[in-house]
Amino acid sequence: MNNLLPLPGMKNCAIAILRPQTFDETARAVEALKTGTIILLNFADLASDKAQRFLDFAAGSTCALSGHHQAIGRGVFLFAPPTVEITTKV
């Protein structure tokens, strides 16, 4: 697919899809968010207390960065840097 051209005005962005099992993995995801990476975190397989702790950390960090977050499904959350808007309408 070397013949594809980028859309005018669109910048490259990265989306990381992660299933963190430890607090350190969640912290690394937040570090990636700081550099402009969009993060999709899936906590569905974690115990509810652990998932809540990781979610609280990620959401608080995102808020501190003036970013945005949105629940996508059961235990799945999208975190975006301030340069990316999350909308539920197209």
PDB file of N, CA and C in Angstrom:
ATOM      1  N   MET A   1       0.823  -1.184   0.000  1.00  0.00           N
ATOM      2  CA  MET A   1       0.000   0.000   0.000  1.00  0.00           C
ATOM      3  C   MET A   1       0.869   1.249   0.000  1.00  0.00           C
ATOM      4  N   ASN A   2       1.872   1.257  -0.803  1.00  0.00           N
ATOM      5  CA  ASN A   2       2.766   2.406  -0.884  1.00  0.00           C
ATOM      6  C   ASN A   2       2.198   3.547  -1.704  1.00  0.00           C
ATOM      7  N   ASN A   3       1.060   3.340  -2.350  1.00  0.00           N
ATOM      8  CA  ASN A   3       0.497   4.378  -3.194  1.00  0.00           C
ATOM      9  C   ASN A   3      -0.556   5.237  -2.479  1.00  0.00           C
ATOM     10  N   LEU A   4      -0.752   5.037  -1.176  1.00  0.00           N
ATOM     11  CA  LEU A   4      -1.729   5.817  -0.427  1.00  0.00           C
ATOM     12  C   LEU A   4      -1.150   7.165  -0.031  1.00  0.00           C
ATOM     13  N   LEU A   5      -1.967   8.198  -0.139  1.00  0.00           N
ATOM     14  CA  LEU A   5      -1.555   9.540   0.244  1.00  0.00           C
ATOM     15  C   LEU A   5      -2.269   9.942   1.525  1.00  0.00           C
ATOM     16  N   PRO A   6      -1.611  10.698   2.387  1.00  0.00           N
ATOM     17  CA  PRO A   6      -2.268  11.144   3.618  1.00  0.00           C
ATOM     18  C   PRO A   6      -3.361  12.158   3.305  1.00  0.00           C
ATOM     19  N   LEU A   7      -4.349  12.213   4.177  1.00  0.00           N
ATOM     20  CA  LEU A   7      -5.396  13.215   4.025  1.00  0.00           C
ATOM     21  C   LEU A   7      -4.842  14.579   4.400  1.00  0.00           C
ATOM     22  N   PRO A   8      -5.155  15.611   3.627  1.00  0.00           N
ATOM     23  CA  PRO A   8      -4.657  16.951   3.948  1.00  0.00           C
ATOM     24  C   PRO A   8      -5.161  17.394   5.327  1.00  0.00           C
ATOM     25  N   GLY A   9      -4.297  17.988   6.095  1.00  0.00           N
ATOM     26  CA  GLY A   9      -4.665  18.499   7.411  1.00  0.00           C
ATOM     27  C   GLY A   9      -4.720  17.456   8.506  1.00  0.00           C
ATOM     28  N   MET A  10      -4.529  16.190   8.173  1.00  0.00           N
ATOM     29  CA  MET A  10      -4.567  15.134   9.175  1.00  0.00           C
ATOM     30  C   MET A  10      -3.142  14.812   9.607  1.00  0.00           C
ATOM     31  N   LYS A  11      -2.918  14.824  10.891  1.00  0.00           N
ATOM     32  CA  LYS A  11      -1.602  14.445  11.381  1.00  0.00           C
ATOM     33  C   LYS A  11      -1.615  12.974  11.780  1.00  0.00           C
ATOM     34  N   ASN A  12      -0.453  12.393  11.801  1.00  0.00           N
ATOM     35  CA  ASN A  12      -0.343  11.004  12.236  1.00  0.00           C
ATOM     36  C   ASN A  12      -0.609  10.933  13.730  1.00  0.00           C
ATOM     37  N   CYS A  13      -1.332   9.919  14.139  1.00  0.00           N
ATOM     38  CA  CYS A  13      -1.534   9.706  15.572  1.00  0.00           C
ATOM     39  C   CYS A  13      -1.439   8.210  15.833  1.00  0.00           C
ATOM     40  N   ALA A  14      -1.138   7.890  17.052  1.00  0.00           N
ATOM     41  CA  ALA A  14      -0.996   6.492  17.449  1.00  0.00           C
ATOM     42  C   ALA A  14      -2.056   6.157  18.488  1.00  0.00           C
ATOM     43  N   ILE A  15      -2.573   4.956  18.405  1.00  0.00           N
ATOM     44  CA  ILE A  15      -3.516   4.443  19.396  1.00  0.00           C
ATOM     45  C   ILE A  15      -2.926   3.167  19.968  1.00  0.00           C
ATOM     46  N   ALA A  16      -2.778   3.142  21.282  1.00  0.00           N
ATOM     47  CA  ALA A  16      -2.269   1.943  21.960  1.00  0.00           C
ATOM     48  C   ALA A  16      -3.444   1.236  22.633  1.00  0.00           C
ATOM     49  N   ILE A  17      -3.586  -0.051  22.361  1.00  0.00           N
ATOM     50  CA  ILE A  17      -4.634  -0.871  22.964  1.00  0.00           C
ATOM     51  C   ILE A  17      -3.959  -1.790  23.969  1.00  0.00           C
ATOM     52  N   LEU A  18      -4.311  -1.612  25.231  1.00  0.00           N
ATOM     53  CA  LEU A  18      -3.596  -2.311  26.305  1.00  0.00           C
ATOM     54  C   LEU A  18      -4.553  -2.988  27.275  1.00  0.00           C
ATOM     55  N   ARG A  19      -4.069  -4.078  27.859  1.00  0.00           N
ATOM     56  CA  ARG A  19      -4.759  -4.782  28.942  1.00  0.00           C
ATOM     57  C   ARG A  19      -3.812  -4.817  30.141  1.00  0.00           C
ATOM     58  N   PRO A  20      -3.676  -3.698  30.846  1.00  0.00           N
ATOM     59  CA  PRO A  20      -2.706  -3.669  31.944  1.00  0.00           C
ATOM     60  C   PRO A  20      -3.084  -4.647  33.059  1.00  0.00           C
ATOM     61  N   GLN A  21      -2.068  -5.338  33.551  1.00  0.00           N
ATOM     62  CA  GLN A  21      -2.249  -6.277  34.651  1.00  0.00           C
ATOM     63  C   GLN A  21      -1.620  -5.760  35.936  1.00  0.00           C
ATOM     64  N   THR A  22      -0.755  -4.738  35.808  1.00  0.00           N
ATOM     65  CA  THR A  22      -0.084  -4.168  36.970  1.00  0.00           C
ATOM     66  C   THR A  22      -0.238  -2.652  36.951  1.00  0.00           C
ATOM     67  N   PHE A  23      -0.014  -2.060  38.106  1.00  0.00           N
ATOM     68  CA  PHE A  23      -0.076  -0.601  38.200  1.00  0.00           C
ATOM     69  C   PHE A  23       1.009   0.030  37.330  1.00  0.00           C
ATOM     70  N   ASP A  24       2.184  -0.587  37.269  1.00  0.00           N
ATOM     71  CA  ASP A  24       3.277  -0.056  36.445  1.00  0.00           C
ATOM     72  C   ASP A  24       2.894  -0.005  34.963  1.00  0.00           C
ATOM     73  N   GLU A  25       2.170  -1.000  34.488  1.00  0.00           N
ATOM     74  CA  GLU A  25       1.719  -0.986  33.089  1.00  0.00           C
ATOM     75  C   GLU A  25       0.745   0.170  32.846  1.00  0.00           C
ATOM     76  N   THR A  26      -0.113   0.431  33.813  1.00  0.00           N
ATOM     77  CA  THR A  26      -1.039   1.564  33.700  1.00  0.00           C
ATOM     78  C   THR A  26      -0.268   2.877  33.715  1.00  0.00           C
ATOM     79  N   ALA A  27       0.738   2.969  34.567  1.00  0.00           N
ATOM     80  CA  ALA A  27       1.562   4.185  34.634  1.00  0.00           C
ATOM     81  C   ALA A  27       2.307   4.412  33.316  1.00  0.00           C
ATOM     82  N   ARG A  28       2.794   3.346  32.692  1.00  0.00           N
ATOM     83  CA  ARG A  28       3.459   3.479  31.387  1.00  0.00           C
ATOM     84  C   ARG A  28       2.471   3.945  30.316  1.00  0.00           C
ATOM     85  N   ALA A  29       1.233   3.505  30.413  1.00  0.00           N
ATOM     86  CA  ALA A  29       0.204   3.966  29.472  1.00  0.00           C
ATOM     87  C   ALA A  29      -0.019   5.470  29.625  1.00  0.00           C
ATOM     88  N   VAL A  30      -0.035   5.945  30.850  1.00  0.00           N
ATOM     89  CA  VAL A  30      -0.195   7.384  31.097  1.00  0.00           C
ATOM     90  C   VAL A  30       1.009   8.152  30.547  1.00  0.00           C
ATOM     91  N   GLU A  31       2.192   7.591  30.677  1.00  0.00           N
ATOM     92  CA  GLU A  31       3.388   8.232  30.100  1.00  0.00           C
ATOM     93  C   GLU A  31       3.235   8.361  28.588  1.00  0.00           C
ATOM     94  N   ALA A  32       2.690   7.341  27.940  1.00  0.00           N
ATOM     95  CA  ALA A  32       2.464   7.406  26.491  1.00  0.00           C
ATOM     96  C   ALA A  32       1.419   8.472  26.169  1.00  0.00           C
ATOM     97  N   LEU A  33       0.417   8.605  27.015  1.00  0.00           N
ATOM     98  CA  LEU A  33      -0.599   9.640  26.831  1.00  0.00           C
ATOM     99  C   LEU A  33       0.042  11.029  26.856  1.00  0.00           C
ATOM    100  N   LYS A  34       1.010  11.211  27.712  1.00  0.00           N
ATOM    101  CA  LYS A  34       1.720  12.492  27.803  1.00  0.00           C
ATOM    102  C   LYS A  34       2.412  12.861  26.494  1.00  0.00           C
ATOM    103  N   THR A  35       2.810  11.867  25.717  1.00  0.00           N
ATOM    104  CA  THR A  35       3.507  12.130  24.454  1.00  0.00           C
ATOM    105  C   THR A  35       2.547  12.240  23.273  1.00  0.00           C
ATOM    106  N   GLY A  36       1.232  12.162  23.550  1.00  0.00           N
ATOM    107  CA  GLY A  36       0.243  12.334  22.497  1.00  0.00           C
ATOM    108  C   GLY A  36      -0.396  11.070  21.981  1.00  0.00           C
ATOM    109  N   THR A  37      -0.058   9.929  22.557  1.00  0.00           N
ATOM    110  CA  THR A  37      -0.651   8.659  22.140  1.00  0.00           C
ATOM    111  C   THR A  37      -2.047   8.523  22.732  1.00  0.00           C
ATOM    112  N   ILE A  38      -2.992   8.090  21.914  1.00  0.00           N
ATOM    113  CA  ILE A  38      -4.338   7.789  22.388  1.00  0.00           C
ATOM    114  C   ILE A  38      -4.289   6.385  22.989  1.00  0.00           C
ATOM    115  N   ILE A  39      -4.906   6.200  24.149  1.00  0.00           N
ATOM    116  CA  ILE A  39      -4.807   4.938  24.875  1.00  0.00           C
ATOM    117  C   ILE A  39      -6.191   4.315  25.038  1.00  0.00           C
ATOM    118  N   LEU A  40      -6.307   3.057  24.683  1.00  0.00           N
ATOM    119  CA  LEU A  40      -7.512   2.281  24.952  1.00  0.00           C
ATOM    120  C   LEU A  40      -7.124   1.241  25.993  1.00  0.00           C
ATOM    121  N   LEU A  41      -7.685   1.360  27.186  1.00  0.00           N
ATOM    122  CA  LEU A  41      -7.351   0.436  28.269  1.00  0.00           C
ATOM    123  C   LEU A  41      -8.517  -0.502  28.529  1.00  0.00           C
ATOM    124  N   ASN A  42      -8.219  -1.784  28.566  1.00  0.00           N
ATOM    125  CA  ASN A  42      -9.215  -2.806  28.818  1.00  0.00           C
ATOM    126  C   ASN A  42      -8.942  -3.398  30.196  1.00  0.00           C
ATOM    127  N   PHE A  43      -9.829  -3.098  31.141  1.00  0.00           N
ATOM    128  CA  PHE A  43      -9.709  -3.597  32.508  1.00  0.00           C
ATOM    129  C   PHE A  43     -10.699  -4.728  32.778  1.00  0.00           C
ATOM    130  N   ALA A  44     -11.368  -5.242  31.763  1.00  0.00           N
ATOM    131  CA  ALA A  44     -12.459  -6.199  31.941  1.00  0.00           C
ATOM    132  C   ALA A  44     -12.037  -7.480  32.643  1.00  0.00           C
ATOM    133  N   ASP A  45     -10.785  -7.888  32.487  1.00  0.00           N
ATOM    134  CA  ASP A  45     -10.337  -9.154  33.080  1.00  0.00           C
ATOM    135  C   ASP A  45      -9.789  -9.004  34.499  1.00  0.00           C
ATOM    136  N   LEU A  46      -9.754  -7.777  35.009  1.00  0.00           N
ATOM    137  CA  LEU A  46      -9.192  -7.538  36.339  1.00  0.00           C
ATOM    138  C   LEU A  46     -10.261  -7.626  37.422  1.00  0.00           C
ATOM    139  N   ALA A  47      -9.824  -7.906  38.638  1.00  0.00           N
ATOM    140  CA  ALA A  47     -10.728  -7.829  39.787  1.00  0.00           C
ATOM    141  C   ALA A  47     -11.228  -6.404  39.900  1.00  0.00           C
ATOM    142  N   SER A  48     -12.465  -6.227  40.341  1.00  0.00           N
ATOM    143  CA  SER A  48     -13.087  -4.902  40.323  1.00  0.00           C
ATOM    144  C   SER A  48     -12.324  -3.863  41.146  1.00  0.00           C
ATOM    145  N   ASP A  49     -11.753  -4.251  42.291  1.00  0.00           N
ATOM    146  CA  ASP A  49     -11.019  -3.281  43.102  1.00  0.00           C
ATOM    147  C   ASP A  49      -9.728  -2.828  42.407  1.00  0.00           C
ATOM    148  N   LYS A  50      -9.046  -3.759  41.761  1.00  0.00           N
ATOM    149  CA  LYS A  50      -7.821  -3.439  41.026  1.00  0.00           C
ATOM    150  C   LYS A  50      -8.152  -2.582  39.803  1.00  0.00           C
ATOM    151  N   ALA A  51      -9.190  -2.958  39.077  1.00  0.00           N
ATOM    152  CA  ALA A  51      -9.614  -2.194  37.898  1.00  0.00           C
ATOM    153  C   ALA A  51      -9.988  -0.776  38.291  1.00  0.00           C
ATOM    154  N   GLN A  52     -10.688  -0.612  39.407  1.00  0.00           N
ATOM    155  CA  GLN A  52     -11.086   0.722  39.859  1.00  0.00           C
ATOM    156  C   GLN A  52      -9.866   1.567  40.213  1.00  0.00           C
ATOM    157  N   ARG A  53      -8.883   0.966  40.848  1.00  0.00           N
ATOM    158  CA  ARG A  53      -7.649   1.687  41.200  1.00  0.00           C
ATOM    159  C   ARG A  53      -6.915   2.152  39.942  1.00  0.00           C
ATOM    160  N   PHE A  54      -6.780   1.259  38.966  1.00  0.00           N
ATOM    161  CA  PHE A  54      -6.098   1.608  37.720  1.00  0.00           C
ATOM    162  C   PHE A  54      -6.879   2.681  36.959  1.00  0.00           C
ATOM    163  N   LEU A  55      -8.212   2.538  36.925  1.00  0.00           N
ATOM    164  CA  LEU A  55      -9.055   3.515  36.236  1.00  0.00           C
ATOM    165  C   LEU A  55      -8.952   4.877  36.900  1.00  0.00           C
ATOM    166  N   ASP A  56      -9.009   4.920  38.215  1.00  0.00           N
ATOM    167  CA  ASP A  56      -8.900   6.186  38.935  1.00  0.00           C
ATOM    168  C   ASP A  56      -7.577   6.879  38.632  1.00  0.00           C
ATOM    169  N   PHE A  57      -6.494   6.118  38.599  1.00  0.00           N
ATOM    170  CA  PHE A  57      -5.187   6.690  38.294  1.00  0.00           C
ATOM    171  C   PHE A  57      -5.146   7.238  36.878  1.00  0.00           C
ATOM    172  N   ALA A  58      -5.595   6.447  35.925  1.00  0.00           N
ATOM    173  CA  ALA A  58      -5.556   6.869  34.522  1.00  0.00           C
ATOM    174  C   ALA A  58      -6.470   8.072  34.290  1.00  0.00           C
ATOM    175  N   ALA A  59      -7.662   8.053  34.861  1.00  0.00           N
ATOM    176  CA  ALA A  59      -8.600   9.166  34.685  1.00  0.00           C
ATOM    177  C   ALA A  59      -8.083  10.434  35.349  1.00  0.00           C
ATOM    178  N   GLY A  60      -7.534  10.309  36.543  1.00  0.00           N
ATOM    179  CA  GLY A  60      -6.978  11.475  37.236  1.00  0.00           C
ATOM    180  C   GLY A  60      -5.794  12.064  36.490  1.00  0.00           C
ATOM    181  N   SER A  61      -4.940  11.204  35.984  1.00  0.00           N
ATOM    182  CA  SER A  61      -3.785  11.660  35.213  1.00  0.00           C
ATOM    183  C   SER A  61      -4.230  12.351  33.930  1.00  0.00           C
ATOM    184  N   THR A  62      -5.222  11.777  33.265  1.00  0.00           N
ATOM    185  CA  THR A  62      -5.747  12.373  32.034  1.00  0.00           C
ATOM    186  C   THR A  62      -6.341  13.741  32.312  1.00  0.00           C
ATOM    187  N   CYS A  63      -7.067  13.854  33.388  1.00  0.00           N
ATOM    188  CA  CYS A  63      -7.651  15.143  33.783  1.00  0.00           C
ATOM    189  C   CYS A  63      -6.550  16.162  34.075  1.00  0.00           C
ATOM    190  N   ALA A  64      -5.500  15.750  34.767  1.00  0.00           N
ATOM    191  CA  ALA A  64      -4.382  16.647  35.083  1.00  0.00           C
ATOM    192  C   ALA A  64      -3.683  17.133  33.822  1.00  0.00           C
ATOM    193  N   LEU A  65      -3.717  16.334  32.763  1.00  0.00           N
ATOM    194  CA  LEU A  65      -3.103  16.707  31.486  1.00  0.00           C
ATOM    195  C   LEU A  65      -4.063  17.498  30.604  1.00  0.00           C
ATOM    196  N   SER A  66      -5.273  17.774  31.103  1.00  0.00           N
ATOM    197  CA  SER A  66      -6.351  18.422  30.339  1.00  0.00           C
ATOM    198  C   SER A  66      -6.806  17.554  29.172  1.00  0.00           C
ATOM    199  N   GLY A  67      -6.645  16.247  29.311  1.00  0.00           N
ATOM    200  CA  GLY A  67      -7.089  15.314  28.285  1.00  0.00           C
ATOM    201  C   GLY A  67      -8.535  14.924  28.497  1.00  0.00           C
ATOM    202  N   HIS A  68      -8.956  13.892  27.779  1.00  0.00           N
ATOM    203  CA  HIS A  68     -10.345  13.452  27.816  1.00  0.00           C
ATOM    204  C   HIS A  68     -10.390  11.935  27.981  1.00  0.00           C
ATOM    205  N   HIS A  69     -11.454  11.455  28.615  1.00  0.00           N
ATOM    206  CA  HIS A  69     -11.646  10.005  28.671  1.00  0.00           C
ATOM    207  C   HIS A  69     -13.120   9.676  28.526  1.00  0.00           C
ATOM    208  N   GLN A  70     -13.359   8.465  28.041  1.00  0.00           N
ATOM    209  CA  GLN A  70     -14.725   8.029  27.764  1.00  0.00           C
ATOM    210  C   GLN A  70     -14.814   6.519  27.974  1.00  0.00           C
ATOM    211  N   ALA A  71     -15.861   6.081  28.653  1.00  0.00           N
ATOM    212  CA  ALA A  71     -16.124   4.653  28.764  1.00  0.00           C
ATOM    213  C   ALA A  71     -16.600   4.155  27.405  1.00  0.00           C
ATOM    214  N   ILE A  72     -16.031   3.048  26.949  1.00  0.00           N
ATOM    215  CA  ILE A  72     -16.380   2.486  25.648  1.00  0.00           C
ATOM    216  C   ILE A  72     -17.287   1.273  25.814  1.00  0.00           C
ATOM    217  N   GLY A  73     -17.019   0.499  26.821  1.00  0.00           N
ATOM    218  CA  GLY A  73     -17.795  -0.709  27.088  1.00  0.00           C
ATOM    219  C   GLY A  73     -17.500  -1.166  28.506  1.00  0.00           C
ATOM    220  N   ARG A  74     -17.957  -2.338  28.852  1.00  0.00           N
ATOM    221  CA  ARG A  74     -17.731  -2.864  30.202  1.00  0.00           C
ATOM    222  C   ARG A  74     -16.232  -3.049  30.445  1.00  0.00           C
ATOM    223  N   GLY A  75     -15.666  -2.188  31.270  1.00  0.00           N
ATOM    224  CA  GLY A  75     -14.254  -2.293  31.619  1.00  0.00           C
ATOM    225  C   GLY A  75     -13.301  -1.761  30.570  1.00  0.00           C
ATOM    226  N   VAL A  76     -13.809  -1.099  29.540  1.00  0.00           N
ATOM    227  CA  VAL A  76     -12.966  -0.591  28.451  1.00  0.00           C
ATOM    228  C   VAL A  76     -13.113   0.927  28.379  1.00  0.00           C
ATOM    229  N   PHE A  77     -11.968   1.629  28.374  1.00  0.00           N
ATOM    230  CA  PHE A  77     -11.967   3.089  28.432  1.00  0.00           C
ATOM    231  C   PHE A  77     -10.977   3.668  27.436  1.00  0.00           C
ATOM    232  N   LEU A  78     -11.364   4.793  26.845  1.00  0.00           N
ATOM    233  CA  LEU A  78     -10.527   5.509  25.902  1.00  0.00           C
ATOM    234  C   LEU A  78     -10.003   6.765  26.581  1.00  0.00           C
ATOM    235  N   PHE A  79      -8.689   6.978  26.486  1.00  0.00           N
ATOM    236  CA  PHE A  79      -8.042   8.155  27.062  1.00  0.00           C
ATOM    237  C   PHE A  79      -7.333   8.895  25.942  1.00  0.00           C
ATOM    238  N   ALA A  80      -7.585  10.198  25.835  1.00  0.00           N
ATOM    239  CA  ALA A  80      -7.008  10.974  24.744  1.00  0.00           C
ATOM    240  C   ALA A  80      -6.299  12.205  25.293  1.00  0.00           C
ATOM    241  N   PRO A  81      -5.194  12.599  24.656  1.00  0.00           N
ATOM    242  CA  PRO A  81      -4.504  13.828  25.054  1.00  0.00           C
ATOM    243  C   PRO A  81      -5.373  15.042  24.716  1.00  0.00           C
ATOM    244  N   PRO A  82      -5.019  16.211  25.217  1.00  0.00           N
ATOM    245  CA  PRO A  82      -5.855  17.397  24.987  1.00  0.00           C
ATOM    246  C   PRO A  82      -5.979  17.787  23.518  1.00  0.00           C
ATOM    247  N   THR A  83      -5.093  17.321  22.673  1.00  0.00           N
ATOM    248  CA  THR A  83      -5.138  17.659  21.250  1.00  0.00           C
ATOM    249  C   THR A  83      -6.139  16.812  20.472  1.00  0.00           C
ATOM    250  N   VAL A  84      -6.727  15.812  21.124  1.00  0.00           N
ATOM    251  CA  VAL A  84      -7.689  14.907  20.471  1.00  0.00           C
ATOM    252  C   VAL A  84      -9.034  15.021  21.169  1.00  0.00           C
ATOM    253  N   GLU A  85     -10.063  15.288  20.384  1.00  0.00           N
ATOM    254  CA  GLU A  85     -11.414  15.392  20.937  1.00  0.00           C
ATOM    255  C   GLU A  85     -12.111  14.049  20.818  1.00  0.00           C
ATOM    256  N   ILE A  86     -12.787  13.659  21.874  1.00  0.00           N
ATOM    257  CA  ILE A  86     -13.623  12.451  21.839  1.00  0.00           C
ATOM    258  C   ILE A  86     -15.062  12.916  21.683  1.00  0.00           C
ATOM    259  N   THR A  87     -15.737  12.393  20.686  1.00  0.00           N
ATOM    260  CA  THR A  87     -17.137  12.759  20.479  1.00  0.00           C
ATOM    261  C   THR A  87     -17.964  11.507  20.282  1.00  0.00           C
ATOM    262  N   THR A  88     -19.226  11.577  20.637  1.00  0.00           N
ATOM    263  CA  THR A  88     -20.126  10.440  20.440  1.00  0.00           C
ATOM    264  C   THR A  88     -21.036  10.664  19.242  1.00  0.00           C
ATOM    265  N   LYS A  89     -20.812  11.770  18.527  1.00  0.00           N
ATOM    266  CA  LYS A  89     -21.592  12.068  17.320  1.00  0.00           C
ATOM    267  C   LYS A  89     -20.649  12.374  16.181  1.00  0.00           C
ATOM    268  N   VAL A  90     -21.068  11.990  14.978  1.00  0.00           N
ATOM    269  CA  VAL A  90     -20.252  12.263  13.787  1.00  0.00           C
ATOM    270  C   VAL A  90     -20.952  13.306  12.941  1.00  0.00           C
TER     271      VAL A  90
END
